[in-house]
PDB file of all heavy atoms in Angstrom:
ATOM      1  N   THR A   1      -2.606  -9.193   9.943  1.00  0.00           N
ATOM      2  CA  THR A   1      -1.450  -9.930  10.449  1.00  0.00           C
ATOM      3  C   THR A   1      -0.890 -10.896   9.418  1.00  0.00           C
ATOM      4  O   THR A   1       0.341 -11.012   9.258  1.00  0.00           O
ATOM      5  CB  THR A   1      -1.851 -10.711  11.716  1.00  0.00           C
ATOM      6  OG1 THR A   1      -2.396  -9.808  12.681  1.00  0.00           O
ATOM      7  CG2 THR A   1      -0.633 -11.411  12.320  1.00  0.00           C
ATOM      8  N   ASN A   2      -1.767 -11.566   8.697  1.00  0.00           N
ATOM      9  CA  ASN A   2      -1.293 -12.529   7.688  1.00  0.00           C
ATOM     10  C   ASN A   2      -0.509 -11.839   6.573  1.00  0.00           C
ATOM     11  O   ASN A   2       0.538 -12.330   6.137  1.00  0.00           O
ATOM     12  CB  ASN A   2      -2.489 -13.279   7.098  1.00  0.00           C
ATOM     13  CG  ASN A   2      -3.146 -14.193   8.117  1.00  0.00           C
ATOM     14  OD1 ASN A   2      -2.485 -14.672   9.048  1.00  0.00           O
ATOM     15  ND2 ASN A   2      -4.435 -14.442   7.954  1.00  0.00           N
ATOM     16  N   VAL A   3      -1.012 -10.687   6.121  1.00  0.00           N
ATOM     17  CA  VAL A   3      -0.310  -9.948   5.063  1.00  0.00           C
ATOM     18  C   VAL A   3       1.014  -9.398   5.584  1.00  0.00           C
ATOM     19  O   VAL A   3       2.040  -9.417   4.893  1.00  0.00           O
ATOM     20  CB  VAL A   3      -1.203  -8.814   4.522  1.00  0.00           C
ATOM     21  CG1 VAL A   3      -0.433  -7.943   3.529  1.00  0.00           C
ATOM     22  CG2 VAL A   3      -2.450  -9.380   3.861  1.00  0.00           C
ATOM     23  N   ALA A   4       1.019  -8.905   6.828  1.00  0.00           N
ATOM     24  CA  ALA A   4       2.250  -8.349   7.403  1.00  0.00           C
ATOM     25  C   ALA A   4       3.326  -9.419   7.527  1.00  0.00           C
ATOM     26  O   ALA A   4       4.523  -9.140   7.335  1.00  0.00           O
ATOM     27  CB  ALA A   4       1.950  -7.743   8.767  1.00  0.00           C
ATOM     28  N   LYS A   5       2.934 -10.655   7.846  1.00  0.00           N
ATOM     29  CA  LYS A   5       3.923 -11.737   7.922  1.00  0.00           C
ATOM     30  C   LYS A   5       4.530 -12.034   6.554  1.00  0.00           C
ATOM     31  O   LYS A   5       5.731 -12.299   6.436  1.00  0.00           O
ATOM     32  CB  LYS A   5       3.260 -12.993   8.481  1.00  0.00           C
ATOM     33  CG  LYS A   5       2.908 -12.909   9.968  1.00  0.00           C
ATOM     34  CD  LYS A   5       2.278 -14.193  10.437  1.00  0.00           C
ATOM     35  CE  LYS A   5       1.939 -14.118  11.929  1.00  0.00           C
ATOM     36  NZ  LYS A   5       1.275 -15.366  12.395  1.00  0.00           N
ATOM     37  N   GLU A   6       3.700 -11.969   5.513  1.00  0.00           N
ATOM     38  CA  GLU A   6       4.209 -12.243   4.174  1.00  0.00           C
ATOM     39  C   GLU A   6       5.187 -11.162   3.723  1.00  0.00           C
ATOM     40  O   GLU A   6       6.098 -11.432   2.924  1.00  0.00           O
ATOM     41  CB  GLU A   6       3.043 -12.354   3.188  1.00  0.00           C
ATOM     42  CG  GLU A   6       2.168 -13.571   3.436  1.00  0.00           C
ATOM     43  CD  GLU A   6       1.038 -13.671   2.432  1.00  0.00           C
ATOM     44  OE1 GLU A   6       0.904 -12.738   1.620  1.00  0.00           O
ATOM     45  OE2 GLU A   6       0.309 -14.665   2.461  1.00  0.00           O
ATOM     46  N   ILE A   7       4.995  -9.943   4.214  1.00  0.00           N
ATOM     47  CA  ILE A   7       5.907  -8.852   3.856  1.00  0.00           C
ATOM     48  C   ILE A   7       7.333  -9.182   4.280  1.00  0.00           C
ATOM     49  O   ILE A   7       8.291  -8.877   3.569  1.00  0.00           O
ATOM     50  CB  ILE A   7       5.430  -7.534   4.492  1.00  0.00           C
ATOM     51  CG1 ILE A   7       4.140  -7.070   3.825  1.00  0.00           C
ATOM     52  CG2 ILE A   7       6.503  -6.464   4.382  1.00  0.00           C
ATOM     53  CD1 ILE A   7       3.562  -5.813   4.427  1.00  0.00           C
ATOM     54  N   ILE A   8       7.478  -9.824   5.438  1.00  0.00           N
ATOM     55  CA  ILE A   8       8.813 -10.172   5.937  1.00  0.00           C
ATOM     56  C   ILE A   8       9.530 -11.095   4.954  1.00  0.00           C
ATOM     57  O   ILE A   8      10.711 -10.896   4.629  1.00  0.00           O
ATOM     58  CB  ILE A   8       8.706 -10.828   7.320  1.00  0.00           C
ATOM     59  CG1 ILE A   8       8.088  -9.850   8.321  1.00  0.00           C
ATOM     60  CG2 ILE A   8      10.077 -11.293   7.797  1.00  0.00           C
ATOM     61  CD1 ILE A   8       7.843 -10.456   9.686  1.00  0.00           C
ATOM     62  N   PHE A   9       8.810 -12.082   4.432  1.00  0.00           N
ATOM     63  CA  PHE A   9       9.432 -13.023   3.494  1.00  0.00           C
ATOM     64  C   PHE A   9       9.778 -12.348   2.169  1.00  0.00           C
ATOM     65  O   PHE A   9      10.796 -12.657   1.553  1.00  0.00           O
ATOM     66  CB  PHE A   9       8.494 -14.219   3.271  1.00  0.00           C
ATOM     67  CG  PHE A   9       8.289 -15.065   4.483  1.00  0.00           C
ATOM     68  CD1 PHE A   9       7.114 -14.978   5.216  1.00  0.00           C
ATOM     69  CD2 PHE A   9       9.273 -15.946   4.922  1.00  0.00           C
ATOM     70  CE1 PHE A   9       6.920 -15.756   6.347  1.00  0.00           C
ATOM     71  CE2 PHE A   9       9.081 -16.727   6.041  1.00  0.00           C
ATOM     72  CZ  PHE A   9       7.905 -16.629   6.764  1.00  0.00           C
ATOM     73  N   VAL A  10       8.930 -11.415   1.734  1.00  0.00           N
ATOM     74  CA  VAL A  10       9.217 -10.691   0.488  1.00  0.00           C
ATOM     75  C   VAL A  10      10.470  -9.833   0.648  1.00  0.00           C
ATOM     76  O   VAL A  10      11.330  -9.770  -0.239  1.00  0.00           O
ATOM     77  CB  VAL A  10       8.022  -9.824   0.076  1.00  0.00           C
ATOM     78  CG1 VAL A  10       8.351  -9.011  -1.167  1.00  0.00           C
ATOM     79  CG2 VAL A  10       6.798 -10.690  -0.184  1.00  0.00           C
ATOM     80  N   ILE A  11      10.586  -9.167   1.792  1.00  0.00           N
ATOM     81  CA  ILE A  11      11.772  -8.328   2.043  1.00  0.00           C
ATOM     82  C   ILE A  11      13.027  -9.188   2.110  1.00  0.00           C
ATOM     83  O   ILE A  11      14.089  -8.812   1.591  1.00  0.00           O
ATOM     84  CB  ILE A  11      11.592  -7.522   3.343  1.00  0.00           C
ATOM     85  CG1 ILE A  11      10.460  -6.489   3.173  1.00  0.00           C
ATOM     86  CG2 ILE A  11      12.881  -6.823   3.730  1.00  0.00           C
ATOM     87  CD1 ILE A  11      10.156  -5.695   4.422  1.00  0.00           C
ATOM     88  N   LEU A  12      12.921 -10.349   2.738  1.00  0.00           N
ATOM     89  CA  LEU A  12      14.067 -11.254   2.796  1.00  0.00           C
ATOM     90  C   LEU A  12      14.487 -11.711   1.400  1.00  0.00           C
ATOM     91  O   LEU A  12      15.681 -11.783   1.085  1.00  0.00           O
ATOM     92  CB  LEU A  12      13.736 -12.464   3.668  1.00  0.00           C
ATOM     93  CG  LEU A  12      13.655 -12.228   5.176  1.00  0.00           C
ATOM     94  CD1 LEU A  12      13.189 -13.495   5.894  1.00  0.00           C
ATOM     95  CD2 LEU A  12      15.009 -11.783   5.726  1.00  0.00           C
ATOM     96  N   ARG A  13      13.500 -12.019   0.561  1.00  0.00           N
ATOM     97  CA  ARG A  13      13.828 -12.441  -0.800  1.00  0.00           C
ATOM     98  C   ARG A  13      14.441 -11.302  -1.600  1.00  0.00           C
ATOM     99  O   ARG A  13      15.326 -11.520  -2.432  1.00  0.00           O
ATOM    100  CB  ARG A  13      12.566 -12.955  -1.502  1.00  0.00           C
ATOM    101  CG  ARG A  13      12.829 -13.506  -2.884  1.00  0.00           C
ATOM    102  CD  ARG A  13      11.657 -14.299  -3.419  1.00  0.00           C
ATOM    103  NE  ARG A  13      10.445 -13.500  -3.491  1.00  0.00           N
ATOM    104  CZ  ARG A  13       9.291 -13.950  -3.982  1.00  0.00           C
ATOM    105  NH1 ARG A  13       9.207 -15.201  -4.414  1.00  0.00           N
ATOM    106  NH2 ARG A  13       8.224 -13.182  -4.009  1.00  0.00           N
ATOM    107  N   ALA A  14      13.998 -10.068  -1.337  1.00  0.00           N
ATOM    108  CA  ALA A  14      14.545  -8.908  -2.050  1.00  0.00           C
ATOM    109  C   ALA A  14      15.970  -8.602  -1.622  1.00  0.00           C
ATOM    110  O   ALA A  14      16.693  -7.900  -2.347  1.00  0.00           O
ATOM    111  CB  ALA A  14      13.653  -7.688  -1.827  1.00  0.00           C
ATOM    112  N   GLN A  15      16.389  -9.080  -0.465  1.00  0.00           N
ATOM    113  CA  GLN A  15      17.743  -8.807   0.000  1.00  0.00           C
ATOM    114  C   GLN A  15      18.792  -9.611  -0.765  1.00  0.00           C
ATOM    115  O   GLN A  15      19.978  -9.270  -0.732  1.00  0.00           O
ATOM    116  CB  GLN A  15      17.859  -9.120   1.496  1.00  0.00           C
ATOM    117  CG  GLN A  15      16.992  -8.260   2.384  1.00  0.00           C
ATOM    118  CD  GLN A  15      17.216  -6.774   2.158  1.00  0.00           C
ATOM    119  OE1 GLN A  15      18.351  -6.303   2.228  1.00  0.00           O
ATOM    120  NE2 GLN A  15      16.152  -6.054   1.894  1.00  0.00           N
ATOM    121  N   LYS A  16      18.367 -10.669  -1.434  1.00  0.00           N
ATOM    122  CA  LYS A  16      19.297 -11.439  -2.250  1.00  0.00           C
ATOM    123  C   LYS A  16      19.623 -10.638  -3.504  1.00  0.00           C
ATOM    124  O   LYS A  16      18.744 -10.360  -4.314  1.00  0.00           O
ATOM    125  CB  LYS A  16      18.691 -12.790  -2.630  1.00  0.00           C
ATOM    126  CG  LYS A  16      19.636 -13.656  -3.446  1.00  0.00           C
ATOM    127  CD  LYS A  16      18.982 -14.971  -3.825  1.00  0.00           C
ATOM    128  CE  LYS A  16      19.934 -15.813  -4.668  1.00  0.00           C
ATOM    129  NZ  LYS A  16      19.308 -17.111  -5.072  1.00  0.00           N
ATOM    130  N   PRO A  17      20.876 -10.231  -3.681  1.00  0.00           N
ATOM    131  CA  PRO A  17      21.216  -9.349  -4.812  1.00  0.00           C
ATOM    132  C   PRO A  17      20.957 -10.018  -6.159  1.00  0.00           C
ATOM    133  O   PRO A  17      21.238 -11.199  -6.356  1.00  0.00           O
ATOM    134  CB  PRO A  17      22.712  -9.076  -4.612  1.00  0.00           C
ATOM    135  CG  PRO A  17      23.002  -9.442  -3.193  1.00  0.00           C
ATOM    136  CD  PRO A  17      22.036 -10.531  -2.847  1.00  0.00           C
ATOM    137  N   ALA A  18      20.399  -9.252  -7.073  1.00  0.00           N
ATOM    138  CA  ALA A  18      20.190  -9.713  -8.451  1.00  0.00           C
ATOM    139  C   ALA A  18      21.331  -9.173  -9.304  1.00  0.00           C
ATOM    140  O   ALA A  18      21.223  -8.124  -9.929  1.00  0.00           O
ATOM    141  CB  ALA A  18      18.832  -9.239  -8.972  1.00  0.00           C
ATOM    142  N   HIS A  19      22.452  -9.883  -9.315  1.00  0.00           N
ATOM    143  CA  HIS A  19      23.653  -9.422 -10.002  1.00  0.00           C
ATOM    144  C   HIS A  19      23.740 -10.019 -11.403  1.00  0.00           C
ATOM    145  O   HIS A  19      23.182 -11.071 -11.690  1.00  0.00           O
ATOM    146  CB  HIS A  19      24.912  -9.845  -9.229  1.00  0.00           C
ATOM    147  CG  HIS A  19      25.088  -9.130  -7.926  1.00  0.00           C
ATOM    148  ND1 HIS A  19      25.207  -7.765  -7.831  1.00  0.00           N
ATOM    149  CD2 HIS A  19      25.171  -9.609  -6.659  1.00  0.00           C
ATOM    150  CE1 HIS A  19      25.368  -7.422  -6.574  1.00  0.00           C
ATOM    151  NE2 HIS A  19      25.341  -8.523  -5.833  1.00  0.00           N
ATOM    152  N   LEU A  20      24.484  -9.311 -12.267  1.00  0.00           N
ATOM    153  CA  LEU A  20      25.007  -9.934 -13.474  1.00  0.00           C
ATOM    154  C   LEU A  20      26.324 -10.601 -13.087  1.00  0.00           C
ATOM    155  O   LEU A  20      27.207  -9.954 -12.523  1.00  0.00           O
ATOM    156  CB  LEU A  20      25.253  -8.891 -14.570  1.00  0.00           C
ATOM    157  CG  LEU A  20      24.024  -8.266 -15.228  1.00  0.00           C
ATOM    158  CD1 LEU A  20      24.454  -7.313 -16.337  1.00  0.00           C
ATOM    159  CD2 LEU A  20      23.086  -9.320 -15.775  1.00  0.00           C
ATOM    160  N   VAL A  21      26.445 -11.880 -13.394  1.00  0.00           N
ATOM    161  CA  VAL A  21      27.627 -12.633 -12.981  1.00  0.00           C
ATOM    162  C   VAL A  21      28.307 -13.197 -14.218  1.00  0.00           C
ATOM    163  O   VAL A  21      27.663 -13.825 -15.070  1.00  0.00           O
ATOM    164  CB  VAL A  21      27.250 -13.774 -12.013  1.00  0.00           C
ATOM    165  CG1 VAL A  21      28.494 -14.508 -11.546  1.00  0.00           C
ATOM    166  CG2 VAL A  21      26.480 -13.230 -10.825  1.00  0.00           C
ATOM    167  N   ALA A  22      29.606 -12.947 -14.324  1.00  0.00           N
ATOM    168  CA  ALA A  22      30.398 -13.452 -15.449  1.00  0.00           C
ATOM    169  C   ALA A  22      30.961 -14.819 -15.091  1.00  0.00           C
ATOM    170  O   ALA A  22      31.773 -14.948 -14.165  1.00  0.00           O
ATOM    171  CB  ALA A  22      31.527 -12.481 -15.777  1.00  0.00           C
ATOM    172  N   GLY A  23      30.499 -15.838 -15.797  1.00  0.00           N
ATOM    173  CA  GLY A  23      31.002 -17.185 -15.555  1.00  0.00           C
ATOM    174  C   GLY A  23      30.680 -17.728 -14.189  1.00  0.00           C
ATOM    175  O   GLY A  23      31.387 -18.613 -13.689  1.00  0.00           O
ATOM    176  N   LYS A  24      29.651 -17.224 -13.548  1.00  0.00           N
ATOM    177  CA  LYS A  24      29.196 -17.698 -12.240  1.00  0.00           C
ATOM    178  C   LYS A  24      30.171 -17.403 -11.106  1.00  0.00           C
ATOM    179  O   LYS A  24      30.010 -17.942 -10.007  1.00  0.00           O
ATOM    180  CB  LYS A  24      28.934 -19.223 -12.273  1.00  0.00           C
ATOM    181  CG  LYS A  24      27.959 -19.681 -13.334  1.00  0.00           C
ATOM    182  CD  LYS A  24      26.559 -19.143 -13.117  1.00  0.00           C
ATOM    183  CE  LYS A  24      25.575 -19.702 -14.134  1.00  0.00           C
ATOM    184  NZ  LYS A  24      24.211 -19.172 -13.949  1.00  0.00           N
ATOM    185  N   PHE A  25      31.172 -16.540 -11.343  1.00  0.00           N
ATOM    186  CA  PHE A  25      32.128 -16.285 -10.264  1.00  0.00           C
ATOM    187  C   PHE A  25      32.511 -14.816 -10.120  1.00  0.00           C
ATOM    188  O   PHE A  25      33.029 -14.420  -9.086  1.00  0.00           O
ATOM    189  CB  PHE A  25      33.402 -17.122 -10.469  1.00  0.00           C
ATOM    190  CG  PHE A  25      34.090 -16.893 -11.777  1.00  0.00           C
ATOM    191  CD1 PHE A  25      34.991 -15.859 -11.947  1.00  0.00           C
ATOM    192  CD2 PHE A  25      33.829 -17.734 -12.853  1.00  0.00           C
ATOM    193  CE1 PHE A  25      35.623 -15.652 -13.162  1.00  0.00           C
ATOM    194  CE2 PHE A  25      34.455 -17.540 -14.067  1.00  0.00           C
ATOM    195  CZ  PHE A  25      35.359 -16.498 -14.221  1.00  0.00           C
TER     196      PHE A  25
END
């Protein structure tokens, strides 16, 4: 159960796109 709960947070963090951004915009 403890590991399964941590999976949720990892998936949430992975949903944040890792983009290349020109000039922050």
